Protein backbone atom coordinates (compact mmCIF):
# COMPACT_ATOMS: atom_id res chain seq x y z
CA UNK A 1 50.04 89.24 -86.56
CA UNK A 2 48.55 92.74 -86.39
CA UNK A 3 45.88 91.77 -88.91
CA UNK A 4 44.93 88.77 -86.79
CA UNK A 5 44.62 90.97 -83.69
CA UNK A 6 42.40 93.39 -85.59
CA UNK A 7 40.20 90.52 -86.75
CA UNK A 8 39.86 89.28 -83.16
CA UNK A 9 38.96 92.79 -81.94
CA UNK A 10 36.33 93.17 -84.67
CA UNK A 11 34.91 89.77 -83.78
CA UNK A 12 34.67 90.75 -80.10
CA UNK A 13 32.92 94.00 -81.03
CA UNK A 14 30.42 92.13 -83.20
CA UNK A 15 29.70 89.62 -80.43
CA UNK A 16 29.23 92.47 -77.94
CA UNK A 17 26.82 94.19 -80.34
CA UNK A 18 24.85 90.98 -80.81
CA UNK A 19 24.78 90.50 -77.03
CA UNK A 20 23.40 94.01 -76.49
CA UNK A 21 20.75 93.43 -79.14
CA UNK A 22 19.79 90.16 -77.47
CA UNK A 23 19.32 92.03 -74.18
CA UNK A 24 16.83 94.28 -75.97
CA UNK A 25 18.75 97.57 -75.86
CA UNK A 26 17.41 99.51 -78.84
CA UNK A 27 18.45 103.11 -78.27
CA UNK A 28 19.00 105.65 -75.50
CA UNK A 29 16.78 108.35 -74.09
CA UNK A 30 17.71 112.02 -73.93
CA UNK A 31 19.82 111.43 -70.78
CA UNK A 32 21.56 108.27 -71.94
CA UNK A 33 19.35 105.66 -70.24
CA UNK A 34 18.63 102.57 -72.37
CA UNK A 35 15.15 102.10 -73.79
CA UNK A 36 14.49 98.39 -74.16
CA UNK A 37 12.56 96.16 -76.50
CA UNK A 38 12.39 93.42 -73.87
CA UNK A 39 11.01 95.92 -71.36
CA UNK A 40 8.48 97.01 -73.97
CA UNK A 41 7.32 93.41 -74.42
CA UNK A 42 6.77 93.12 -70.67
CA UNK A 43 5.12 96.53 -70.50
CA UNK A 44 2.65 95.76 -73.27
CA UNK A 45 1.55 92.71 -71.28
CA UNK A 46 1.14 94.81 -68.11
CA UNK A 47 -0.61 97.90 -69.49
CA UNK A 48 -3.90 98.14 -71.37
CA UNK A 49 -4.04 101.27 -73.54
CA UNK A 50 -7.49 100.64 -75.02
CA UNK A 51 -8.97 103.67 -73.18
CA UNK A 52 -5.95 105.99 -73.12
CA UNK A 53 -3.94 108.44 -75.19
CA UNK A 54 -0.54 109.92 -74.34
CA UNK A 55 0.16 113.67 -74.17
CA UNK A 56 3.80 114.69 -74.63
CA UNK A 57 5.90 117.79 -73.76
CA UNK A 58 6.44 118.45 -77.47
CA UNK A 59 4.38 120.27 -80.10
CA UNK A 60 2.14 118.64 -82.66
CA UNK A 61 2.86 119.10 -86.36
CA UNK A 62 1.12 122.48 -86.71
CA UNK A 63 2.40 123.76 -83.32
CA UNK A 64 -1.14 124.41 -82.03
CA UNK A 65 -1.11 121.91 -79.16
CA UNK A 66 0.92 119.14 -77.61
CA UNK A 67 1.80 116.00 -79.54
CA UNK A 68 -0.48 113.05 -78.77
CA UNK A 69 -0.03 109.32 -79.23
CA UNK A 70 -3.24 107.34 -79.70
CA UNK A 71 -4.08 103.90 -78.31
CA UNK A 72 -3.14 101.90 -81.43
CA UNK A 73 0.38 103.31 -81.51
CA UNK A 74 0.76 102.86 -77.75
CA UNK A 75 -0.41 99.26 -78.05
CA UNK A 76 2.14 98.71 -80.82
CA UNK A 77 5.03 99.52 -78.51
CA UNK A 78 5.55 103.27 -78.91
CA UNK A 79 8.57 104.67 -77.02
CA UNK A 80 10.38 108.00 -76.97
CA UNK A 81 12.69 109.91 -74.66
CA UNK A 82 9.58 111.15 -72.80
CA UNK A 83 7.83 107.78 -72.46
CA UNK A 84 9.74 104.51 -72.41
CA UNK A 85 9.81 101.05 -70.86
CA UNK A 86 12.30 99.83 -68.29
CA UNK A 87 13.64 96.27 -68.14
CA UNK A 88 10.93 95.22 -65.66
CA UNK A 89 8.14 96.51 -67.93
CA UNK A 90 7.48 99.66 -65.90
CA UNK A 91 7.08 102.98 -67.73
CA UNK A 92 9.24 106.08 -67.34
CA UNK A 93 7.50 109.43 -67.88
CA UNK A 94 10.03 112.23 -68.42
CA UNK A 95 8.92 115.90 -68.48
CA UNK A 96 11.39 118.79 -68.90
CA UNK A 97 10.36 122.07 -67.26
CA UNK A 98 10.79 123.94 -70.56
CA UNK A 99 8.76 121.47 -72.63
CA UNK A 100 5.85 122.44 -74.89
CA UNK A 101 2.59 123.14 -73.02
CA UNK A 102 -1.13 122.96 -73.73
CA UNK A 103 -2.92 126.31 -74.20
CA UNK A 104 -4.65 126.22 -70.80
CA UNK A 105 -1.66 125.59 -68.53
CA UNK A 106 1.74 126.97 -67.56
CA UNK A 107 3.18 123.48 -67.12
CA UNK A 108 4.22 120.67 -69.43
CA UNK A 109 3.51 116.95 -69.12
CA UNK A 110 4.23 113.42 -70.19
CA UNK A 111 0.87 112.02 -69.19
CA UNK A 112 -1.80 109.50 -70.11
CA UNK A 113 -5.30 110.93 -70.62
CA UNK A 114 -8.28 108.59 -70.28
CA UNK A 115 -10.67 108.24 -73.24
CA UNK A 116 -13.66 106.29 -71.97
CA UNK A 117 -14.59 105.05 -75.48
CA UNK A 118 -10.98 104.79 -76.60
CA UNK A 119 -11.24 107.49 -79.27
CA UNK A 120 -13.08 110.69 -78.39
CA UNK A 121 -12.18 113.30 -75.77
CA UNK A 122 -15.79 114.54 -75.62
CA UNK A 123 -17.08 111.21 -74.20
CA UNK A 124 -16.42 111.12 -70.46
CA UNK A 125 -18.08 110.01 -67.22
CA UNK A 126 -20.05 111.75 -64.48
CA UNK A 127 -19.79 111.45 -60.70
CA UNK A 128 -22.83 109.14 -60.76
CA UNK A 129 -22.11 105.42 -60.68
CA UNK A 130 -18.74 103.96 -59.65
CA UNK A 131 -15.35 104.82 -61.15
CA UNK A 132 -12.02 103.44 -59.91
CA UNK A 133 -8.36 104.12 -60.69
CA UNK A 134 -5.53 102.09 -59.13
CA UNK A 135 -1.88 102.96 -59.80
CA UNK A 136 1.53 102.08 -58.38
CA UNK A 137 4.34 104.54 -59.06
CA UNK A 138 7.26 106.57 -57.75
CA UNK A 139 8.97 109.89 -58.41
CA UNK A 140 12.66 109.49 -59.16
CA UNK A 141 13.49 113.08 -60.09
CA UNK A 142 11.80 116.42 -59.38
CA UNK A 143 12.32 119.99 -60.50
CA UNK A 144 13.48 122.81 -58.21
CA UNK A 145 10.16 123.16 -56.40
CA UNK A 146 9.87 119.39 -56.01
CA UNK A 147 6.28 118.99 -57.21
CA UNK A 148 4.70 116.92 -59.97
CA UNK A 149 1.14 115.60 -60.33
CA UNK A 150 1.14 111.83 -60.83
CA UNK A 151 -2.63 111.14 -61.05
CA UNK A 152 -5.82 113.18 -61.16
CA UNK A 153 -9.52 113.42 -61.91
CA UNK A 154 -9.94 116.24 -64.40
CA UNK A 155 -13.22 118.01 -65.12
CA UNK A 156 -14.54 118.90 -68.56
CA UNK A 157 -17.61 120.82 -69.73
CA UNK A 158 -20.19 118.98 -71.86
CA UNK A 159 -19.16 121.20 -74.80
CA UNK A 160 -15.59 119.91 -74.49
CA UNK A 161 -14.04 123.02 -72.94
CA UNK A 162 -11.74 122.72 -69.96
CA UNK A 163 -13.25 122.27 -66.49
CA UNK A 164 -11.92 122.30 -62.92
CA UNK A 165 -9.66 119.56 -61.59
CA UNK A 166 -11.58 117.57 -58.99
CA UNK A 167 -8.69 115.57 -57.48
CA UNK A 168 -4.90 115.78 -57.81
CA UNK A 169 -2.32 113.42 -56.33
CA UNK A 170 0.98 115.26 -56.23
CA UNK A 171 4.42 113.92 -55.36
CA UNK A 172 6.58 116.50 -53.57
CA UNK A 173 10.20 115.41 -53.57
CA UNK A 174 11.41 118.59 -51.88
CA UNK A 175 9.30 117.85 -48.79
CA UNK A 176 9.32 114.06 -49.20
CA UNK A 177 5.55 113.67 -49.22
CA UNK A 178 2.50 112.87 -51.31
CA UNK A 179 -0.23 115.50 -51.26
CA UNK A 180 -3.88 114.77 -52.15
CA UNK A 181 -5.68 117.93 -53.30
CA UNK A 182 -9.49 117.99 -53.32
CA UNK A 183 -11.17 120.99 -54.96
CA UNK A 184 -13.64 122.86 -52.72
CA UNK A 185 -15.87 124.24 -55.49
CA UNK A 186 -16.39 124.74 -59.21
CA UNK A 187 -15.95 128.51 -59.17
CA UNK A 188 -12.75 130.17 -60.42
CA UNK A 189 -9.81 130.05 -58.01
CA UNK A 190 -11.60 127.67 -55.63
CA UNK A 191 -9.20 126.47 -52.94
CA UNK A 192 -7.99 122.89 -52.47
CA UNK A 193 -8.27 120.79 -49.36
CA UNK A 194 -4.82 119.27 -48.76
CA UNK A 195 -4.04 115.92 -47.16
CA UNK A 196 -0.51 114.57 -46.73
CA UNK A 197 1.31 111.26 -46.58
CA UNK A 198 4.69 112.15 -45.08
CA UNK A 199 8.15 110.59 -45.29
CA UNK A 200 7.97 109.41 -48.91
CA UNK A 201 11.54 109.56 -50.21
CA UNK A 202 12.50 110.22 -53.81
CA UNK A 203 12.52 106.80 -55.46
CA UNK A 204 10.09 105.30 -52.93
CA UNK A 205 7.20 103.45 -54.54
CA UNK A 206 3.63 104.19 -53.41
CA UNK A 207 0.18 102.92 -54.37
CA UNK A 208 -2.84 105.15 -55.01
CA UNK A 209 -6.51 104.25 -55.26
CA UNK A 210 -9.09 106.85 -56.33
CA UNK A 211 -12.69 105.67 -56.14
CA UNK A 212 -15.78 107.68 -57.10
CA UNK A 213 -19.20 106.60 -55.83
CA UNK A 214 -22.29 108.74 -56.42
CA UNK A 215 -20.56 112.05 -55.91
CA UNK A 216 -18.27 110.96 -53.07
CA UNK A 217 -14.59 110.42 -53.77
CA UNK A 218 -12.35 108.16 -51.68
CA UNK A 219 -8.56 108.43 -52.03
CA UNK A 220 -6.06 106.04 -50.46
CA UNK A 221 -2.28 106.40 -50.73
CA UNK A 222 0.06 103.92 -49.07
CA UNK A 223 3.70 102.91 -48.99
CA UNK A 224 4.69 100.04 -46.70
CA UNK A 225 3.08 100.69 -43.32
CA UNK A 226 2.45 104.39 -44.13
CA UNK A 227 -1.09 105.12 -45.23
CA UNK A 228 -3.37 108.09 -45.99
CA UNK A 229 -7.14 107.76 -46.41
CA UNK A 230 -9.38 110.70 -47.19
CA UNK A 231 -12.78 111.31 -48.78
CA UNK A 232 -15.10 114.11 -49.81
CA UNK A 233 -18.75 114.36 -50.84
CA UNK A 234 -18.50 116.78 -53.77
CA UNK A 235 -22.23 116.91 -54.54
CA UNK A 236 -23.00 117.78 -50.93
CA UNK A 237 -20.47 120.61 -50.89
CA UNK A 238 -21.27 122.00 -54.34
CA UNK A 239 -24.18 120.56 -56.41
CA UNK A 240 -22.88 122.31 -59.55
CA UNK A 241 -20.30 119.52 -59.92
CA UNK A 242 -23.18 117.69 -61.58
CA UNK A 243 -22.75 120.03 -64.57
CA UNK A 244 -19.37 118.51 -65.45
CA UNK A 245 -17.99 115.29 -66.86
CA UNK A 246 -14.67 113.76 -65.82
CA UNK A 247 -11.69 111.61 -66.83
CA UNK A 248 -8.61 110.16 -65.16
CA UNK A 249 -5.03 111.19 -65.91
CA UNK A 250 -1.84 109.33 -64.95
CA UNK A 251 1.84 110.16 -65.43
CA UNK A 252 4.04 113.20 -64.92
CA UNK A 253 2.56 116.72 -64.93
CA UNK A 254 5.48 118.78 -63.63
CA UNK A 255 4.34 121.75 -61.50
CA UNK A 256 7.20 124.08 -62.43
CA UNK A 257 7.64 126.49 -65.34
CA UNK A 258 10.85 128.31 -64.35
CA UNK A 259 14.04 126.83 -65.77
CA UNK A 260 16.57 127.27 -62.96
CA UNK A 261 19.26 125.12 -64.57
CA UNK A 262 19.93 123.31 -67.85
CA UNK A 263 17.98 120.06 -68.15
CA UNK A 264 15.65 120.74 -65.21
CA UNK A 265 12.89 118.14 -65.27
CA UNK A 266 10.79 115.59 -63.40
CA UNK A 267 10.70 111.81 -63.82
CA UNK A 268 7.98 109.38 -62.70
CA UNK A 269 7.97 105.59 -63.01
CA UNK A 270 4.64 103.76 -63.33
CA UNK A 271 4.49 100.08 -62.33
CA UNK A 272 0.79 99.31 -62.73
CA UNK A 273 -2.47 101.01 -63.72
CA UNK A 274 -6.06 99.84 -64.03
CA UNK A 275 -9.51 101.40 -64.15
CA UNK A 276 -13.08 100.22 -63.71
CA UNK A 277 -16.36 102.00 -64.51
CA UNK A 278 -19.99 101.32 -63.70
CA UNK A 279 -21.77 104.33 -65.11
CA UNK A 280 -25.24 105.54 -64.15
CA UNK A 281 -26.99 108.20 -66.22
């Protein structure tokens, strides 16, 4: 009788395991949330990685920079505890405050970096022509200071060295707002113009559009009937912006480097992302 009961229990466990596999649960992230194969299938249909690479809050093999995942691996369904698909095909970007950092920053990231030709970081675009980024996302967890950058236009020198950040879109969970930061000049420590969309709760989805047109940048952020629109003519304010090239970034660049408690981190969920470029030289 006992043997029969044990057989039944084993059978139930096997059926449960098969059921979980059928639902697509493959493994769990660092905090116990399921990473899914079915979500990955949906995500790969939603997101085009042909012009992106992923930068992670971990070190590369020789510990000289952050680990990076190239487009082919992303397009093959890459997932980790820092970048994984949810059941609806959206992407979770997880960045711990004490993660590994690039040499030129105090903060870590789980973030997509645009590669205009799909392969080389030295090929980028200028402020001439038209360049558009559209994303839909939300912040579901923030660090102690509440701030993480969820999209940006980053500058780069023609020789490949780091340049100033032209535009940052920052979610601030502590103050329940989205802040758009527009750099006022190319010189060191140039201030940012700040524009706010208020009353954005943690876990509230918002849409961002960043459009560049011949040196002028237009940024729109909206959630339901709440909307922020702002623009700036960068060439008019500082013609030396013409000395730089640029690329988009999307994801979770946590703006905190002080570990106030164990496991302190930020989490961003990305629902959609697309870009368009019409370059003029």
